[in-house]
Amino acid sequence: MEFRTLTTSRITSIAAGMLFGWLAMQPVAAEVVDAGAAGFKLRFEIRFDQPASTVYQTMLDLKSWWDPDHTYSGDAANLRLDLRPGGCLCEYWDDGAVEHMRVGYLKENSTLRLLGGLGPLQAMAVSGAMSFDVTNVDGGSRFVFVYEVGGYTPGGVEAIAKPVDDVWAGHLARFEVAVNSTGG
């Protein structure tokens, strides 16, 4: 068996490459701003080179970024968003349907606020307010996602903050890719 001697610079280079590779594989993480027994708040911000209108329109194209693993049907193309107050973010498939959330507020190319509970939250005594806000800034736009969830579940609502954060980290990473692929 032959042993090769690694220099300090070679070890540093290998470690840096491994760290870079590990970081590149890490999902985008929304920040759990606050969490307690009665609820939690997530917040995430992304800067884009594209104008707010491009970011907003991509946001509305759910099938372009929503993770199909986080649908009931396994297909994000089955999601529908009725853009009017009280409009449904619903999912339809051959033998079923689900209402995920309702539109509480919208302002074209700027803000969408959804109310309700997604996925397992729907079966709990909790509800949420989810806001997607986008504004034009120098040379692009700023996108801010906020999700506040409150109510009751055994063990406290804070126990679900991290899993919900993980799901939205994945969604937002996919959203960022979708926006950046528009070329805006």
N, C-alpha and C. Protein backbone atom coordinates (compact mmCIF):
# COMPACT_ATOMS: atom_id res chain seq x y z
N MET A 1 0.85 -1.17 0.00
CA MET A 1 0.00 0.00 0.00
C MET A 1 0.89 1.23 0.00
N GLU A 2 0.57 2.15 -0.88
CA GLU A 2 1.37 3.36 -0.99
C GLU A 2 0.65 4.51 -0.31
N PHE A 3 1.36 5.26 0.53
CA PHE A 3 0.80 6.43 1.19
C PHE A 3 1.37 7.66 0.51
N ARG A 4 0.51 8.58 0.23
CA ARG A 4 0.96 9.82 -0.39
C ARG A 4 0.97 10.90 0.68
N THR A 5 1.95 11.72 0.64
CA THR A 5 2.06 12.83 1.59
C THR A 5 1.27 14.01 1.04
N LEU A 6 0.41 14.55 1.88
CA LEU A 6 -0.36 15.72 1.49
C LEU A 6 0.24 16.95 2.12
N THR A 7 0.45 17.95 1.33
CA THR A 7 0.96 19.20 1.87
C THR A 7 -0.18 19.96 2.52
N THR A 8 0.17 20.92 3.36
CA THR A 8 -0.85 21.73 4.03
C THR A 8 -1.71 22.45 3.01
N SER A 9 -1.10 22.95 1.95
CA SER A 9 -1.89 23.67 0.94
C SER A 9 -2.83 22.71 0.21
N ARG A 10 -2.39 21.48 -0.02
CA ARG A 10 -3.25 20.48 -0.69
C ARG A 10 -4.43 20.10 0.22
N ILE A 11 -4.16 19.92 1.52
CA ILE A 11 -5.23 19.61 2.48
C ILE A 11 -6.22 20.77 2.53
N THR A 12 -5.70 21.99 2.58
CA THR A 12 -6.56 23.17 2.61
C THR A 12 -7.41 23.23 1.35
N SER A 13 -6.81 22.94 0.21
CA SER A 13 -7.54 22.95 -1.06
C SER A 13 -8.65 21.90 -1.08
N ILE A 14 -8.34 20.70 -0.61
CA ILE A 14 -9.34 19.62 -0.56
C ILE A 14 -10.48 20.01 0.38
N ALA A 15 -10.12 20.52 1.56
CA ALA A 15 -11.14 20.91 2.54
C ALA A 15 -12.02 22.03 2.00
N ALA A 16 -11.41 23.00 1.34
CA ALA A 16 -12.18 24.11 0.77
C ALA A 16 -13.12 23.60 -0.31
N GLY A 17 -12.65 22.68 -1.13
CA GLY A 17 -13.50 22.10 -2.17
C GLY A 17 -14.66 21.33 -1.58
N MET A 18 -14.38 20.56 -0.52
CA MET A 18 -15.45 19.80 0.13
C MET A 18 -16.46 20.75 0.76
N LEU A 19 -15.98 21.81 1.43
CA LEU A 19 -16.87 22.78 2.05
C LEU A 19 -17.72 23.48 0.99
N PHE A 20 -17.10 23.91 -0.11
CA PHE A 20 -17.85 24.56 -1.17
C PHE A 20 -18.92 23.63 -1.73
N GLY A 21 -18.56 22.39 -1.96
CA GLY A 21 -19.53 21.42 -2.47
C GLY A 21 -20.67 21.20 -1.50
N TRP A 22 -20.35 21.12 -0.20
CA TRP A 22 -21.38 20.95 0.81
C TRP A 22 -22.30 22.17 0.86
N LEU A 23 -21.72 23.37 0.83
CA LEU A 23 -22.53 24.59 0.86
C LEU A 23 -23.41 24.70 -0.37
N ALA A 24 -22.90 24.31 -1.52
CA ALA A 24 -23.68 24.39 -2.75
C ALA A 24 -24.88 23.47 -2.72
N MET A 25 -24.79 22.39 -1.93
CA MET A 25 -25.90 21.44 -1.85
C MET A 25 -26.92 21.83 -0.79
N GLN A 26 -26.60 22.80 0.06
CA GLN A 26 -27.50 23.17 1.13
C GLN A 26 -28.68 23.96 0.57
N PRO A 27 -29.90 23.64 1.01
CA PRO A 27 -31.06 24.37 0.53
C PRO A 27 -31.09 25.78 1.09
N VAL A 28 -31.79 26.64 0.39
CA VAL A 28 -32.01 27.98 0.89
C VAL A 28 -32.78 27.83 2.19
N ALA A 29 -32.46 28.60 3.21
CA ALA A 29 -33.16 28.49 4.48
C ALA A 29 -33.85 29.79 4.83
N ALA A 30 -35.13 29.71 5.02
CA ALA A 30 -35.86 30.85 5.55
C ALA A 30 -35.48 30.95 7.01
N GLU A 31 -35.57 32.11 7.56
CA GLU A 31 -35.21 32.29 8.96
C GLU A 31 -36.45 32.13 9.82
N VAL A 32 -36.36 31.30 10.85
CA VAL A 32 -37.42 31.24 11.85
C VAL A 32 -37.19 32.46 12.72
N VAL A 33 -37.98 33.51 12.50
CA VAL A 33 -37.81 34.78 13.20
C VAL A 33 -38.25 34.67 14.65
N ASP A 34 -39.33 33.92 14.87
CA ASP A 34 -39.88 33.78 16.22
C ASP A 34 -40.63 32.46 16.29
N ALA A 35 -40.58 31.80 17.42
CA ALA A 35 -41.33 30.57 17.61
C ALA A 35 -41.68 30.42 19.08
N GLY A 36 -42.93 30.03 19.33
CA GLY A 36 -43.39 29.80 20.69
C GLY A 36 -44.50 28.77 20.66
N ALA A 37 -45.01 28.45 21.83
CA ALA A 37 -46.05 27.43 21.93
C ALA A 37 -47.27 27.76 21.07
N ALA A 38 -47.57 29.04 20.89
CA ALA A 38 -48.78 29.43 20.16
C ALA A 38 -48.54 29.71 18.67
N GLY A 39 -47.28 29.75 18.22
CA GLY A 39 -47.06 30.03 16.80
C GLY A 39 -45.62 30.28 16.44
N PHE A 40 -45.42 30.60 15.17
CA PHE A 40 -44.08 30.92 14.68
C PHE A 40 -44.16 31.84 13.48
N LYS A 41 -43.02 32.44 13.16
CA LYS A 41 -42.91 33.33 12.01
C LYS A 41 -41.64 32.99 11.24
N LEU A 42 -41.79 32.77 9.93
CA LEU A 42 -40.66 32.57 9.03
C LEU A 42 -40.50 33.82 8.17
N ARG A 43 -39.28 34.14 7.82
CA ARG A 43 -39.04 35.27 6.92
C ARG A 43 -37.84 34.94 6.05
N PHE A 44 -37.95 35.30 4.79
CA PHE A 44 -36.84 35.08 3.87
C PHE A 44 -36.83 36.20 2.84
N GLU A 45 -35.66 36.61 2.44
CA GLU A 45 -35.52 37.69 1.45
C GLU A 45 -34.57 37.25 0.34
N ILE A 46 -34.94 37.54 -0.90
CA ILE A 46 -34.09 37.24 -2.05
C ILE A 46 -34.00 38.50 -2.92
N ARG A 47 -32.81 38.81 -3.38
CA ARG A 47 -32.60 39.90 -4.36
C ARG A 47 -32.51 39.26 -5.74
N PHE A 48 -33.17 39.87 -6.70
CA PHE A 48 -33.15 39.38 -8.08
C PHE A 48 -32.68 40.48 -9.02
N ASP A 49 -32.07 40.08 -10.14
CA ASP A 49 -31.71 41.04 -11.19
C ASP A 49 -32.93 41.40 -12.03
N GLN A 50 -33.96 40.58 -11.99
CA GLN A 50 -35.17 40.78 -12.78
C GLN A 50 -36.08 41.81 -12.10
N PRO A 51 -36.93 42.49 -12.90
CA PRO A 51 -37.88 43.44 -12.31
C PRO A 51 -38.96 42.74 -11.50
N ALA A 52 -39.61 43.50 -10.62
CA ALA A 52 -40.65 42.95 -9.75
C ALA A 52 -41.74 42.24 -10.55
N SER A 53 -42.11 42.76 -11.70
CA SER A 53 -43.18 42.14 -12.50
C SER A 53 -42.80 40.72 -12.92
N THR A 54 -41.55 40.50 -13.28
CA THR A 54 -41.09 39.15 -13.67
C THR A 54 -41.11 38.21 -12.47
N VAL A 55 -40.63 38.69 -11.34
CA VAL A 55 -40.60 37.88 -10.13
C VAL A 55 -42.04 37.52 -9.72
N TYR A 56 -42.93 38.50 -9.76
CA TYR A 56 -44.33 38.28 -9.37
C TYR A 56 -45.00 37.27 -10.29
N GLN A 57 -44.82 37.41 -11.59
CA GLN A 57 -45.45 36.49 -12.54
C GLN A 57 -44.90 35.07 -12.38
N THR A 58 -43.61 34.94 -12.12
CA THR A 58 -43.03 33.62 -11.86
C THR A 58 -43.62 33.03 -10.58
N MET A 59 -43.80 33.87 -9.58
CA MET A 59 -44.39 33.42 -8.32
C MET A 59 -45.78 32.83 -8.56
N LEU A 60 -46.55 33.43 -9.44
CA LEU A 60 -47.90 32.94 -9.73
C LEU A 60 -47.90 31.65 -10.53
N ASP A 61 -46.81 31.35 -11.22
CA ASP A 61 -46.69 30.12 -12.01
C ASP A 61 -46.20 29.00 -11.09
N LEU A 62 -47.07 28.55 -10.22
CA LEU A 62 -46.70 27.60 -9.17
C LEU A 62 -46.02 26.34 -9.70
N LYS A 63 -46.48 25.83 -10.82
CA LYS A 63 -45.91 24.58 -11.35
C LYS A 63 -44.44 24.74 -11.72
N SER A 64 -43.98 25.98 -11.92
CA SER A 64 -42.58 26.19 -12.31
C SER A 64 -41.62 26.08 -11.13
N TRP A 65 -42.14 26.13 -9.89
CA TRP A 65 -41.23 26.09 -8.75
C TRP A 65 -41.73 25.29 -7.54
N TRP A 66 -43.00 25.00 -7.45
CA TRP A 66 -43.52 24.28 -6.28
C TRP A 66 -43.03 22.84 -6.33
N ASP A 67 -42.49 22.35 -5.24
CA ASP A 67 -41.97 20.99 -5.17
C ASP A 67 -43.13 19.99 -5.22
N PRO A 68 -43.19 19.15 -6.25
CA PRO A 68 -44.30 18.20 -6.37
C PRO A 68 -44.37 17.21 -5.20
N ASP A 69 -43.26 17.02 -4.49
CA ASP A 69 -43.29 16.15 -3.31
C ASP A 69 -44.14 16.75 -2.19
N HIS A 70 -44.46 18.02 -2.30
CA HIS A 70 -45.28 18.70 -1.29
C HIS A 70 -46.63 19.08 -1.88
N THR A 71 -47.20 18.13 -2.61
CA THR A 71 -48.57 18.21 -3.10
C THR A 71 -49.26 16.90 -2.72
N TYR A 72 -50.57 16.91 -2.73
CA TYR A 72 -51.31 15.67 -2.46
C TYR A 72 -51.28 14.75 -3.67
N SER A 73 -51.24 15.34 -4.87
CA SER A 73 -51.33 14.55 -6.09
C SER A 73 -49.97 14.12 -6.63
N GLY A 74 -48.89 14.73 -6.12
CA GLY A 74 -47.56 14.43 -6.64
C GLY A 74 -47.22 15.19 -7.90
N ASP A 75 -48.05 16.20 -8.25
CA ASP A 75 -47.84 16.95 -9.49
C ASP A 75 -48.21 18.42 -9.26
N ALA A 76 -47.22 19.30 -9.25
CA ALA A 76 -47.46 20.72 -9.02
C ALA A 76 -48.31 21.35 -10.12
N ALA A 77 -48.42 20.71 -11.28
CA ALA A 77 -49.28 21.23 -12.35
C ALA A 77 -50.75 21.14 -11.96
N ASN A 78 -51.07 20.40 -10.91
CA ASN A 78 -52.46 20.28 -10.45
C ASN A 78 -52.87 21.41 -9.51
N LEU A 79 -51.95 22.31 -9.20
CA LEU A 79 -52.26 23.46 -8.35
C LEU A 79 -52.93 24.55 -9.18
N ARG A 80 -53.94 25.17 -8.60
CA ARG A 80 -54.65 26.29 -9.25
C ARG A 80 -54.76 27.42 -8.25
N LEU A 81 -54.54 28.64 -8.72
CA LEU A 81 -54.63 29.82 -7.88
C LEU A 81 -55.62 30.79 -8.51
N ASP A 82 -56.74 31.00 -7.86
CA ASP A 82 -57.79 31.92 -8.32
C ASP A 82 -57.47 33.30 -7.75
N LEU A 83 -56.98 34.20 -8.61
CA LEU A 83 -56.49 35.50 -8.16
C LEU A 83 -57.61 36.51 -7.95
N ARG A 84 -58.29 36.38 -6.83
CA ARG A 84 -59.31 37.33 -6.38
C ARG A 84 -59.45 37.15 -4.88
N PRO A 85 -59.91 38.16 -4.15
CA PRO A 85 -60.12 37.98 -2.72
C PRO A 85 -61.03 36.78 -2.47
N GLY A 86 -60.60 35.90 -1.58
CA GLY A 86 -61.35 34.67 -1.31
C GLY A 86 -61.06 33.56 -2.30
N GLY A 87 -60.27 33.86 -3.34
CA GLY A 87 -59.93 32.86 -4.35
C GLY A 87 -59.12 31.73 -3.75
N CYS A 88 -59.27 30.57 -4.32
CA CYS A 88 -58.68 29.36 -3.76
C CYS A 88 -57.30 29.06 -4.36
N LEU A 89 -56.37 28.70 -3.48
CA LEU A 89 -55.17 27.98 -3.89
C LEU A 89 -55.57 26.54 -3.65
N CYS A 90 -55.97 25.86 -4.71
CA CYS A 90 -56.51 24.51 -4.62
C CYS A 90 -55.69 23.57 -5.49
N GLU A 91 -55.89 22.30 -5.23
CA GLU A 91 -55.23 21.24 -6.00
C GLU A 91 -56.30 20.24 -6.41
N TYR A 92 -56.30 19.89 -7.68
CA TYR A 92 -57.28 18.96 -8.22
C TYR A 92 -56.57 17.81 -8.91
N TRP A 93 -57.05 16.58 -8.67
CA TRP A 93 -56.54 15.41 -9.37
C TRP A 93 -57.70 14.46 -9.60
N ASP A 94 -57.45 13.36 -10.32
CA ASP A 94 -58.52 12.46 -10.76
C ASP A 94 -59.54 12.09 -9.70
N ASP A 95 -59.09 11.68 -8.53
CA ASP A 95 -60.04 11.19 -7.54
C ASP A 95 -60.07 12.03 -6.27
N GLY A 96 -59.67 13.31 -6.36
CA GLY A 96 -59.70 14.15 -5.18
C GLY A 96 -59.38 15.60 -5.44
N ALA A 97 -59.47 16.38 -4.39
CA ALA A 97 -59.15 17.80 -4.44
C ALA A 97 -58.91 18.29 -3.02
N VAL A 98 -58.20 19.39 -2.90
CA VAL A 98 -57.95 19.97 -1.58
C VAL A 98 -57.84 21.49 -1.73
N GLU A 99 -58.41 22.19 -0.76
CA GLU A 99 -58.22 23.63 -0.65
C GLU A 99 -57.02 23.83 0.27
N HIS A 100 -55.97 24.44 -0.25
CA HIS A 100 -54.78 24.69 0.56
C HIS A 100 -54.92 25.99 1.34
N MET A 101 -55.18 27.09 0.62
CA MET A 101 -55.28 28.41 1.25
C MET A 101 -56.24 29.27 0.44
N ARG A 102 -56.55 30.45 0.96
CA ARG A 102 -57.41 31.44 0.28
C ARG A 102 -56.65 32.74 0.12
N VAL A 103 -56.95 33.45 -0.97
CA VAL A 103 -56.34 34.76 -1.21
C VAL A 103 -56.97 35.76 -0.24
N GLY A 104 -56.13 36.42 0.54
CA GLY A 104 -56.60 37.45 1.46
C GLY A 104 -56.34 38.84 0.93
N TYR A 105 -55.27 38.99 0.14
CA TYR A 105 -54.90 40.31 -0.39
C TYR A 105 -54.03 40.10 -1.62
N LEU A 106 -54.25 40.94 -2.61
CA LEU A 106 -53.33 40.92 -3.74
C LEU A 106 -53.24 42.29 -4.37
N LYS A 107 -52.06 42.59 -4.85
CA LYS A 107 -51.77 43.82 -5.59
C LYS A 107 -50.83 43.40 -6.71
N GLU A 108 -51.30 43.56 -7.94
CA GLU A 108 -50.57 43.06 -9.11
C GLU A 108 -49.11 43.52 -9.10
N ASN A 109 -48.23 42.58 -9.40
CA ASN A 109 -46.78 42.79 -9.49
C ASN A 109 -46.16 43.29 -8.19
N SER A 110 -46.85 43.05 -7.07
CA SER A 110 -46.35 43.55 -5.80
C SER A 110 -46.56 42.57 -4.65
N THR A 111 -47.82 42.22 -4.34
CA THR A 111 -48.11 41.47 -3.12
C THR A 111 -49.17 40.41 -3.33
N LEU A 112 -48.95 39.26 -2.72
CA LEU A 112 -49.96 38.21 -2.63
C LEU A 112 -49.93 37.70 -1.20
N ARG A 113 -51.10 37.73 -0.54
CA ARG A 113 -51.20 37.18 0.82
C ARG A 113 -52.23 36.06 0.80
N LEU A 114 -51.81 34.90 1.30
CA LEU A 114 -52.67 33.72 1.37
C LEU A 114 -52.95 33.39 2.83
N LEU A 115 -54.17 32.91 3.10
CA LEU A 115 -54.59 32.61 4.46
C LEU A 115 -55.03 31.16 4.56
N GLY A 116 -54.62 30.46 5.62
CA GLY A 116 -55.02 29.08 5.83
C GLY A 116 -53.85 28.23 6.27
N GLY A 117 -53.99 26.93 6.09
CA GLY A 117 -52.94 26.01 6.50
C GLY A 117 -52.61 25.03 5.38
N LEU A 118 -51.36 24.87 5.11
CA LEU A 118 -50.90 23.95 4.06
C LEU A 118 -50.59 22.58 4.62
N GLY A 119 -50.81 21.56 3.80
CA GLY A 119 -50.41 20.20 4.14
C GLY A 119 -50.93 19.76 5.49
N PRO A 120 -50.04 19.25 6.35
CA PRO A 120 -50.48 18.74 7.65
C PRO A 120 -51.05 19.83 8.55
N LEU A 121 -50.73 21.10 8.29
CA LEU A 121 -51.28 22.18 9.11
C LEU A 121 -52.79 22.23 9.00
N GLN A 122 -53.32 21.79 7.85
CA GLN A 122 -54.76 21.82 7.62
C GLN A 122 -55.50 20.94 8.62
N ALA A 123 -54.89 19.86 9.08
CA ALA A 123 -55.54 18.94 10.01
C ALA A 123 -55.35 19.35 11.47
N MET A 124 -54.61 20.42 11.70
CA MET A 124 -54.37 20.91 13.06
C MET A 124 -55.26 22.12 13.32
N ALA A 125 -55.35 22.51 14.55
CA ALA A 125 -56.11 23.70 14.90
C ALA A 125 -55.19 24.93 14.79
N VAL A 126 -54.58 25.09 13.61
CA VAL A 126 -53.69 26.22 13.34
C VAL A 126 -54.08 26.84 12.00
N SER A 127 -53.67 28.06 11.81
CA SER A 127 -53.88 28.73 10.55
C SER A 127 -52.70 29.66 10.31
N GLY A 128 -52.54 30.09 9.08
CA GLY A 128 -51.40 30.94 8.77
C GLY A 128 -51.75 32.07 7.84
N ALA A 129 -50.87 33.06 7.85
CA ALA A 129 -50.90 34.16 6.89
C ALA A 129 -49.56 34.14 6.19
N MET A 130 -49.59 33.95 4.88
CA MET A 130 -48.38 33.83 4.07
C MET A 130 -48.34 34.99 3.09
N SER A 131 -47.28 35.79 3.16
CA SER A 131 -47.16 36.95 2.28
C SER A 131 -45.96 36.83 1.37
N PHE A 132 -46.19 37.14 0.11
CA PHE A 132 -45.14 37.23 -0.90
C PHE A 132 -45.14 38.69 -1.34
N ASP A 133 -44.06 39.41 -1.08
CA ASP A 133 -43.98 40.83 -1.46
C ASP A 133 -42.76 41.04 -2.33
N VAL A 134 -42.95 41.77 -3.41
CA VAL A 134 -41.83 42.06 -4.31
C VAL A 134 -41.87 43.54 -4.68
N THR A 135 -40.70 44.18 -4.62
CA THR A 135 -40.57 45.60 -4.96
C THR A 135 -39.37 45.79 -5.87
N ASN A 136 -39.46 46.78 -6.74
CA ASN A 136 -38.32 47.13 -7.57
C ASN A 136 -37.30 47.86 -6.73
N VAL A 137 -36.05 47.51 -6.92
CA VAL A 137 -34.92 48.20 -6.29
C VAL A 137 -33.89 48.44 -7.38
N ASP A 138 -32.86 49.18 -7.06
CA ASP A 138 -31.83 49.50 -8.06
C ASP A 138 -31.37 48.25 -8.80
N GLY A 139 -31.59 48.23 -10.10
CA GLY A 139 -31.10 47.15 -10.94
C GLY A 139 -31.80 45.82 -10.80
N GLY A 140 -32.95 45.77 -10.15
CA GLY A 140 -33.65 44.50 -9.99
C GLY A 140 -34.82 44.61 -9.05
N SER A 141 -34.95 43.60 -8.19
CA SER A 141 -36.08 43.59 -7.26
C SER A 141 -35.70 42.88 -5.96
N ARG A 142 -36.53 43.12 -4.96
CA ARG A 142 -36.36 42.49 -3.64
C ARG A 142 -37.65 41.71 -3.36
N PHE A 143 -37.49 40.43 -3.07
CA PHE A 143 -38.61 39.54 -2.77
C PHE A 143 -38.55 39.17 -1.29
N VAL A 144 -39.67 39.34 -0.60
CA VAL A 144 -39.73 38.98 0.82
C VAL A 144 -40.90 38.02 1.02
N PHE A 145 -40.59 36.89 1.64
CA PHE A 145 -41.57 35.88 1.98
C PHE A 145 -41.72 35.85 3.50
N VAL A 146 -42.95 35.93 3.99
CA VAL A 146 -43.21 35.84 5.42
C VAL A 146 -44.36 34.87 5.62
N TYR A 147 -44.20 33.94 6.55
CA TYR A 147 -45.26 32.98 6.88
C TYR A 147 -45.40 32.96 8.39
N GLU A 148 -46.57 33.39 8.86
CA GLU A 148 -46.86 33.39 10.29
C GLU A 148 -47.97 32.37 10.54
N VAL A 149 -47.73 31.46 11.48
CA VAL A 149 -48.68 30.39 11.79
C VAL A 149 -48.97 30.44 13.28
N GLY A 150 -50.25 30.33 13.62
CA GLY A 150 -50.62 30.34 15.03
C GLY A 150 -51.80 29.43 15.29
N GLY A 151 -51.93 29.01 16.54
CA GLY A 151 -53.04 28.16 16.93
C GLY A 151 -52.59 27.13 17.95
N TYR A 152 -53.26 25.99 17.94
CA TYR A 152 -52.97 24.94 18.92
C TYR A 152 -52.63 23.63 18.20
N THR A 153 -51.64 22.96 18.72
CA THR A 153 -51.34 21.58 18.37
C THR A 153 -50.63 20.97 19.58
N PRO A 154 -50.87 19.69 19.89
CA PRO A 154 -50.20 19.08 21.04
C PRO A 154 -48.68 19.26 20.93
N GLY A 155 -48.07 19.66 22.02
CA GLY A 155 -46.63 19.88 22.02
C GLY A 155 -46.25 21.31 21.66
N GLY A 156 -47.22 22.09 21.20
CA GLY A 156 -46.96 23.48 20.85
C GLY A 156 -46.63 23.66 19.37
N VAL A 157 -47.02 24.79 18.86
CA VAL A 157 -46.83 25.08 17.44
C VAL A 157 -45.35 25.23 17.10
N GLU A 158 -44.54 25.67 18.06
CA GLU A 158 -43.11 25.86 17.77
C GLU A 158 -42.45 24.56 17.31
N ALA A 159 -43.00 23.42 17.69
CA ALA A 159 -42.42 22.13 17.30
C ALA A 159 -42.47 21.91 15.79
N ILE A 160 -43.39 22.58 15.10
CA ILE A 160 -43.49 22.39 13.65
C ILE A 160 -42.78 23.49 12.87
N ALA A 161 -42.21 24.49 13.56
CA ALA A 161 -41.55 25.61 12.88
C ALA A 161 -40.40 25.13 11.98
N LYS A 162 -39.53 24.31 12.50
CA LYS A 162 -38.36 23.85 11.72
C LYS A 162 -38.77 23.00 10.52
N PRO A 163 -39.67 22.01 10.67
CA PRO A 163 -40.08 21.26 9.49
C PRO A 163 -40.74 22.15 8.41
N VAL A 164 -41.55 23.11 8.85
CA VAL A 164 -42.18 24.02 7.87
C VAL A 164 -41.10 24.88 7.22
N ASP A 165 -40.15 25.35 8.00
CA ASP A 165 -39.02 26.12 7.48
C ASP A 165 -38.27 25.31 6.42
N ASP A 166 -38.03 24.03 6.70
CA ASP A 166 -37.32 23.18 5.75
C ASP A 166 -38.07 23.05 4.43
N VAL A 167 -39.38 22.86 4.50
CA VAL A 167 -40.19 22.75 3.28
C VAL A 167 -40.09 24.05 2.48
N TRP A 168 -40.25 25.19 3.17
CA TRP A 168 -40.21 26.46 2.45
C TRP A 168 -38.81 26.80 1.96
N ALA A 169 -37.79 26.34 2.63
CA ALA A 169 -36.43 26.53 2.12
C ALA A 169 -36.30 25.87 0.76
N GLY A 170 -36.83 24.66 0.64
CA GLY A 170 -36.80 23.96 -0.64
C GLY A 170 -37.63 24.65 -1.70
N HIS A 171 -38.85 25.07 -1.35
CA HIS A 171 -39.70 25.79 -2.30
C HIS A 171 -39.00 27.06 -2.79
N LEU A 172 -38.44 27.83 -1.86
CA LEU A 172 -37.82 29.11 -2.23
C LEU A 172 -36.55 28.92 -3.04
N ALA A 173 -35.82 27.85 -2.80
CA ALA A 173 -34.65 27.55 -3.63
C ALA A 173 -35.10 27.27 -5.06
N ARG A 174 -36.18 26.51 -5.20
CA ARG A 174 -36.72 26.21 -6.53
C ARG A 174 -37.27 27.48 -7.18
N PHE A 175 -37.92 28.33 -6.37
CA PHE A 175 -38.45 29.60 -6.88
C PHE A 175 -37.31 30.48 -7.40
N GLU A 176 -36.23 30.56 -6.65
CA GLU A 176 -35.08 31.36 -7.06
C GLU A 176 -34.52 30.88 -8.41
N VAL A 177 -34.43 29.59 -8.58
CA VAL A 177 -33.97 29.02 -9.86
C VAL A 177 -34.95 29.38 -10.97
N ALA A 178 -36.25 29.25 -10.71
CA ALA A 178 -37.26 29.56 -11.73
C ALA A 178 -37.19 31.02 -12.15
N VAL A 179 -37.05 31.93 -11.19
CA VAL A 179 -36.97 33.35 -11.54
C VAL A 179 -35.70 33.60 -12.34
N ASN A 180 -34.58 33.08 -11.88
CA ASN A 180 -33.31 33.32 -12.57
C ASN A 180 -33.27 32.71 -13.97
N SER A 181 -34.07 31.70 -14.21
CA SER A 181 -34.09 31.10 -15.55
C SER A 181 -34.97 31.88 -16.52
N THR A 182 -35.70 32.88 -16.02
CA THR A 182 -36.54 33.70 -16.91
C THR A 182 -35.71 34.66 -17.74
N GLY A 183 -34.55 35.02 -17.23
CA GLY A 183 -33.69 35.95 -17.98
C GLY A 183 -34.17 37.38 -17.90
N GLY A 184 -35.41 37.58 -17.43
CA GLY A 184 -36.09 38.85 -17.20
C GLY A 184 -35.46 40.00 -17.82
